Amino acid sequence: MVSLIWSEKAVADLELIHDFIATDSPFYARVQVERLITATGRLVHFPESGRSLPEFPHFPHRELIVGSYRIIYRYEPAAEAVMIVTVVHSARLLQQDRIA
């Protein structure tokens, strides 16, 4: 079992997602953010369960797809930790600076 750590950038991403959706539906905004957070729970037991990033296959990062969102994370075996790096909408182009 590994630790799950959310970066400041990933937490800010969740807040932006919530705020954007909340303009139409505060209820659905909360549900969507809860779905994203819940999906990362499996990483505690299965840290390599996500797929490699198709755009950056040489990077150690992996991703979980949850609805229209990509949760980008990095597994650090030596630290026994998974770092959630960012959360992006799948329609957006993933830029290298978002995950570096």
N, C-alpha and C. Protein backbone atom coordinates (compact mmCIF):
# COMPACT_ATOMS: atom_id res chain seq x y z
N MET A 1 0.85 -1.18 0.00
CA MET A 1 0.00 0.00 0.00
C MET A 1 0.89 1.24 0.00
N VAL A 2 0.55 2.23 -0.84
CA VAL A 2 1.34 3.45 -0.96
C VAL A 2 0.53 4.66 -0.51
N SER A 3 1.24 5.75 -0.26
CA SER A 3 0.59 7.01 0.10
C SER A 3 0.10 7.70 -1.17
N LEU A 4 -0.97 8.42 -1.04
CA LEU A 4 -1.54 9.19 -2.15
C LEU A 4 -1.38 10.67 -1.81
N ILE A 5 -0.66 11.40 -2.66
CA ILE A 5 -0.37 12.81 -2.41
C ILE A 5 -0.89 13.63 -3.58
N TRP A 6 -1.66 14.68 -3.28
CA TRP A 6 -2.18 15.59 -4.31
C TRP A 6 -1.29 16.82 -4.35
N SER A 7 -0.76 17.13 -5.52
CA SER A 7 0.05 18.34 -5.68
C SER A 7 -0.86 19.56 -5.56
N GLU A 8 -0.24 20.71 -5.31
CA GLU A 8 -1.00 21.96 -5.25
C GLU A 8 -1.69 22.23 -6.58
N LYS A 9 -0.99 21.91 -7.68
CA LYS A 9 -1.55 22.12 -9.01
C LYS A 9 -2.80 21.26 -9.21
N ALA A 10 -2.75 20.00 -8.77
CA ALA A 10 -3.89 19.10 -8.93
C ALA A 10 -5.09 19.57 -8.10
N VAL A 11 -4.82 20.04 -6.89
CA VAL A 11 -5.91 20.55 -6.05
C VAL A 11 -6.52 21.80 -6.70
N ALA A 12 -5.68 22.66 -7.23
CA ALA A 12 -6.17 23.86 -7.92
C ALA A 12 -6.99 23.46 -9.16
N ASP A 13 -6.56 22.42 -9.86
CA ASP A 13 -7.32 21.93 -11.01
C ASP A 13 -8.72 21.49 -10.59
N LEU A 14 -8.81 20.76 -9.49
CA LEU A 14 -10.12 20.32 -8.99
C LEU A 14 -11.00 21.52 -8.65
N GLU A 15 -10.42 22.52 -8.05
CA GLU A 15 -11.19 23.72 -7.70
C GLU A 15 -11.70 24.43 -8.95
N LEU A 16 -10.85 24.52 -9.98
CA LEU A 16 -11.27 25.15 -11.23
C LEU A 16 -12.38 24.35 -11.92
N ILE A 17 -12.24 23.03 -11.91
CA ILE A 17 -13.28 22.16 -12.49
C ILE A 17 -14.59 22.37 -11.76
N HIS A 18 -14.51 22.37 -10.43
CA HIS A 18 -15.72 22.58 -9.63
C HIS A 18 -16.37 23.92 -9.95
N ASP A 19 -15.57 24.98 -9.94
CA ASP A 19 -16.12 26.31 -10.16
C ASP A 19 -16.74 26.46 -11.55
N PHE A 20 -16.10 25.86 -12.56
CA PHE A 20 -16.63 25.94 -13.92
C PHE A 20 -17.98 25.23 -14.02
N ILE A 21 -18.07 24.02 -13.50
CA ILE A 21 -19.31 23.26 -13.58
C ILE A 21 -20.38 23.90 -12.69
N ALA A 22 -19.97 24.45 -11.55
CA ALA A 22 -20.93 25.03 -10.59
C ALA A 22 -21.70 26.21 -11.14
N THR A 23 -21.18 26.86 -12.18
CA THR A 23 -21.93 27.97 -12.76
C THR A 23 -23.26 27.49 -13.33
N ASP A 24 -23.30 26.23 -13.76
CA ASP A 24 -24.55 25.64 -14.25
C ASP A 24 -25.24 24.77 -13.20
N SER A 25 -24.44 24.02 -12.43
CA SER A 25 -25.02 23.09 -11.47
C SER A 25 -24.07 22.83 -10.30
N PRO A 26 -24.30 23.49 -9.18
CA PRO A 26 -23.46 23.25 -8.00
C PRO A 26 -23.49 21.77 -7.56
N PHE A 27 -24.64 21.13 -7.71
CA PHE A 27 -24.75 19.73 -7.34
C PHE A 27 -23.85 18.86 -8.22
N TYR A 28 -23.94 19.03 -9.53
CA TYR A 28 -23.13 18.21 -10.43
C TYR A 28 -21.64 18.52 -10.28
N ALA A 29 -21.31 19.76 -9.96
CA ALA A 29 -19.91 20.13 -9.74
C ALA A 29 -19.34 19.31 -8.58
N ARG A 30 -20.08 19.22 -7.50
CA ARG A 30 -19.64 18.44 -6.34
C ARG A 30 -19.53 16.96 -6.69
N VAL A 31 -20.51 16.44 -7.42
CA VAL A 31 -20.50 15.04 -7.83
C VAL A 31 -19.28 14.74 -8.70
N GLN A 32 -18.99 15.60 -9.65
CA GLN A 32 -17.86 15.37 -10.56
C GLN A 32 -16.53 15.36 -9.81
N VAL A 33 -16.33 16.30 -8.93
CA VAL A 33 -15.09 16.35 -8.16
C VAL A 33 -14.98 15.12 -7.26
N GLU A 34 -16.07 14.70 -6.66
CA GLU A 34 -16.05 13.49 -5.83
C GLU A 34 -15.70 12.26 -6.66
N ARG A 35 -16.20 12.17 -7.88
CA ARG A 35 -15.86 11.05 -8.78
C ARG A 35 -14.36 11.03 -9.07
N LEU A 36 -13.80 12.19 -9.32
CA LEU A 36 -12.37 12.28 -9.62
C LEU A 36 -11.53 11.84 -8.42
N ILE A 37 -11.89 12.32 -7.26
CA ILE A 37 -11.14 11.96 -6.04
C ILE A 37 -11.30 10.47 -5.74
N THR A 38 -12.50 9.96 -5.84
CA THR A 38 -12.75 8.55 -5.56
C THR A 38 -11.98 7.64 -6.50
N ALA A 39 -11.88 8.03 -7.76
CA ALA A 39 -11.17 7.20 -8.75
C ALA A 39 -9.70 6.99 -8.40
N THR A 40 -9.11 7.95 -7.71
CA THR A 40 -7.69 7.81 -7.35
C THR A 40 -7.48 6.84 -6.20
N GLY A 41 -8.53 6.46 -5.51
CA GLY A 41 -8.41 5.55 -4.37
C GLY A 41 -7.78 4.21 -4.73
N ARG A 42 -8.03 3.73 -5.91
CA ARG A 42 -7.46 2.43 -6.31
C ARG A 42 -5.95 2.46 -6.43
N LEU A 43 -5.38 3.66 -6.61
CA LEU A 43 -3.94 3.79 -6.77
C LEU A 43 -3.18 3.42 -5.50
N VAL A 44 -3.84 3.49 -4.37
CA VAL A 44 -3.20 3.12 -3.11
C VAL A 44 -2.78 1.65 -3.15
N HIS A 45 -3.60 0.81 -3.75
CA HIS A 45 -3.31 -0.63 -3.83
C HIS A 45 -2.72 -1.03 -5.19
N PHE A 46 -3.06 -0.29 -6.23
CA PHE A 46 -2.61 -0.61 -7.59
C PHE A 46 -2.01 0.64 -8.25
N PRO A 47 -0.83 1.06 -7.80
CA PRO A 47 -0.27 2.33 -8.27
C PRO A 47 0.10 2.38 -9.75
N GLU A 48 0.23 1.25 -10.39
CA GLU A 48 0.58 1.25 -11.81
C GLU A 48 -0.60 0.84 -12.68
N SER A 49 -1.81 0.99 -12.16
CA SER A 49 -2.99 0.53 -12.88
C SER A 49 -3.41 1.44 -14.04
N GLY A 50 -2.95 2.68 -14.03
CA GLY A 50 -3.27 3.58 -15.13
C GLY A 50 -2.38 3.30 -16.34
N ARG A 51 -2.75 3.91 -17.45
CA ARG A 51 -1.94 3.72 -18.67
C ARG A 51 -0.86 4.78 -18.77
N SER A 52 0.18 4.47 -19.53
CA SER A 52 1.22 5.46 -19.81
C SER A 52 0.63 6.58 -20.64
N LEU A 53 1.23 7.74 -20.57
CA LEU A 53 0.74 8.88 -21.35
C LEU A 53 1.08 8.68 -22.82
N PRO A 54 0.09 8.65 -23.70
CA PRO A 54 0.38 8.45 -25.12
C PRO A 54 1.25 9.57 -25.71
N GLU A 55 1.09 10.80 -25.22
CA GLU A 55 1.87 11.93 -25.74
C GLU A 55 3.33 11.89 -25.29
N PHE A 56 3.56 11.31 -24.12
CA PHE A 56 4.89 11.30 -23.52
C PHE A 56 5.22 9.91 -22.99
N PRO A 57 5.38 8.92 -23.86
CA PRO A 57 5.60 7.55 -23.40
C PRO A 57 6.91 7.36 -22.63
N HIS A 58 7.87 8.25 -22.80
CA HIS A 58 9.15 8.15 -22.11
C HIS A 58 9.10 8.74 -20.69
N PHE A 59 8.01 9.41 -20.34
CA PHE A 59 7.85 9.97 -19.00
C PHE A 59 7.38 8.87 -18.05
N PRO A 60 7.69 9.00 -16.76
CA PRO A 60 7.24 7.99 -15.79
C PRO A 60 5.77 8.18 -15.37
N HIS A 61 5.11 9.17 -15.92
CA HIS A 61 3.73 9.48 -15.54
C HIS A 61 2.75 8.47 -16.14
N ARG A 62 1.62 8.35 -15.47
CA ARG A 62 0.54 7.49 -15.94
C ARG A 62 -0.75 8.31 -15.81
N GLU A 63 -1.85 7.75 -16.29
CA GLU A 63 -3.11 8.48 -16.19
C GLU A 63 -4.28 7.55 -15.94
N LEU A 64 -5.27 8.12 -15.29
CA LEU A 64 -6.58 7.49 -15.14
C LEU A 64 -7.55 8.35 -15.93
N ILE A 65 -8.45 7.70 -16.65
CA ILE A 65 -9.49 8.41 -17.37
C ILE A 65 -10.78 8.29 -16.56
N VAL A 66 -11.34 9.44 -16.22
CA VAL A 66 -12.59 9.47 -15.45
C VAL A 66 -13.54 10.41 -16.19
N GLY A 67 -14.50 9.83 -16.88
CA GLY A 67 -15.41 10.64 -17.67
C GLY A 67 -14.63 11.40 -18.72
N SER A 68 -14.74 12.72 -18.70
CA SER A 68 -14.05 13.58 -19.66
C SER A 68 -12.72 14.11 -19.14
N TYR A 69 -12.24 13.55 -18.04
CA TYR A 69 -11.03 14.08 -17.41
C TYR A 69 -9.91 13.05 -17.36
N ARG A 70 -8.70 13.57 -17.39
CA ARG A 70 -7.50 12.75 -17.28
C ARG A 70 -6.81 13.13 -15.97
N ILE A 71 -6.63 12.15 -15.10
CA ILE A 71 -5.90 12.36 -13.86
C ILE A 71 -4.48 11.88 -14.11
N ILE A 72 -3.54 12.80 -14.13
CA ILE A 72 -2.15 12.49 -14.42
C ILE A 72 -1.40 12.31 -13.09
N TYR A 73 -0.70 11.18 -12.97
CA TYR A 73 0.02 10.91 -11.73
C TYR A 73 1.37 10.27 -12.01
N ARG A 74 2.19 10.25 -10.98
CA ARG A 74 3.52 9.65 -11.05
C ARG A 74 3.69 8.74 -9.83
N TYR A 75 4.05 7.50 -10.08
CA TYR A 75 4.31 6.54 -9.00
C TYR A 75 5.79 6.59 -8.65
N GLU A 76 6.08 6.76 -7.37
CA GLU A 76 7.45 6.82 -6.89
C GLU A 76 7.68 5.65 -5.94
N PRO A 77 8.13 4.49 -6.48
CA PRO A 77 8.28 3.28 -5.67
C PRO A 77 9.20 3.46 -4.46
N ALA A 78 10.30 4.17 -4.62
CA ALA A 78 11.25 4.35 -3.51
C ALA A 78 10.60 5.08 -2.34
N ALA A 79 9.71 6.01 -2.64
CA ALA A 79 9.02 6.77 -1.60
C ALA A 79 7.71 6.10 -1.18
N GLU A 80 7.36 5.03 -1.88
CA GLU A 80 6.08 4.36 -1.65
C GLU A 80 4.93 5.38 -1.69
N ALA A 81 4.92 6.16 -2.78
CA ALA A 81 3.93 7.22 -2.91
C ALA A 81 3.48 7.38 -4.36
N VAL A 82 2.26 7.84 -4.49
CA VAL A 82 1.71 8.24 -5.78
C VAL A 82 1.42 9.72 -5.67
N MET A 83 1.98 10.49 -6.61
CA MET A 83 1.75 11.94 -6.64
C MET A 83 0.78 12.25 -7.76
N ILE A 84 -0.39 12.80 -7.40
CA ILE A 84 -1.34 13.27 -8.40
C ILE A 84 -0.79 14.62 -8.87
N VAL A 85 -0.43 14.70 -10.14
CA VAL A 85 0.26 15.87 -10.67
C VAL A 85 -0.72 16.92 -11.18
N THR A 86 -1.71 16.49 -11.95
CA THR A 86 -2.66 17.44 -12.53
C THR A 86 -3.92 16.69 -12.97
N VAL A 87 -4.98 17.44 -13.17
CA VAL A 87 -6.22 16.90 -13.71
C VAL A 87 -6.61 17.82 -14.87
N VAL A 88 -6.77 17.22 -16.06
CA VAL A 88 -7.07 18.01 -17.24
C VAL A 88 -8.27 17.43 -17.98
N HIS A 89 -9.00 18.30 -18.65
CA HIS A 89 -10.10 17.84 -19.50
C HIS A 89 -9.50 17.14 -20.71
N SER A 90 -10.09 16.05 -21.11
CA SER A 90 -9.53 15.25 -22.20
C SER A 90 -9.56 15.97 -23.55
N ALA A 91 -10.37 17.01 -23.68
CA ALA A 91 -10.42 17.75 -24.94
C ALA A 91 -9.24 18.71 -25.08
N ARG A 92 -8.55 18.96 -23.98
CA ARG A 92 -7.41 19.88 -24.01
C ARG A 92 -6.14 19.14 -24.36
N LEU A 93 -5.26 19.80 -25.07
CA LEU A 93 -3.97 19.25 -25.42
C LEU A 93 -3.11 19.23 -24.16
N LEU A 94 -2.52 18.09 -23.86
CA LEU A 94 -1.67 17.96 -22.70
C LEU A 94 -0.28 18.53 -23.01
N GLN A 95 0.08 19.56 -22.29
CA GLN A 95 1.37 20.23 -22.49
C GLN A 95 2.39 19.66 -21.51
N GLN A 96 3.62 19.55 -21.95
CA GLN A 96 4.68 18.98 -21.12
C GLN A 96 4.87 19.78 -19.84
N ASP A 97 4.70 21.09 -19.89
CA ASP A 97 4.92 21.91 -18.69
C ASP A 97 3.86 21.66 -17.60
N ARG A 98 2.73 21.06 -17.97
CA ARG A 98 1.68 20.74 -16.98
C ARG A 98 2.11 19.56 -16.10
N ILE A 99 3.02 18.73 -16.60
CA ILE A 99 3.38 17.53 -15.84
C ILE A 99 4.83 17.52 -15.38
N ALA A 100 5.61 18.49 -15.79
CA ALA A 100 7.03 18.50 -15.42
C ALA A 100 7.23 18.93 -14.00
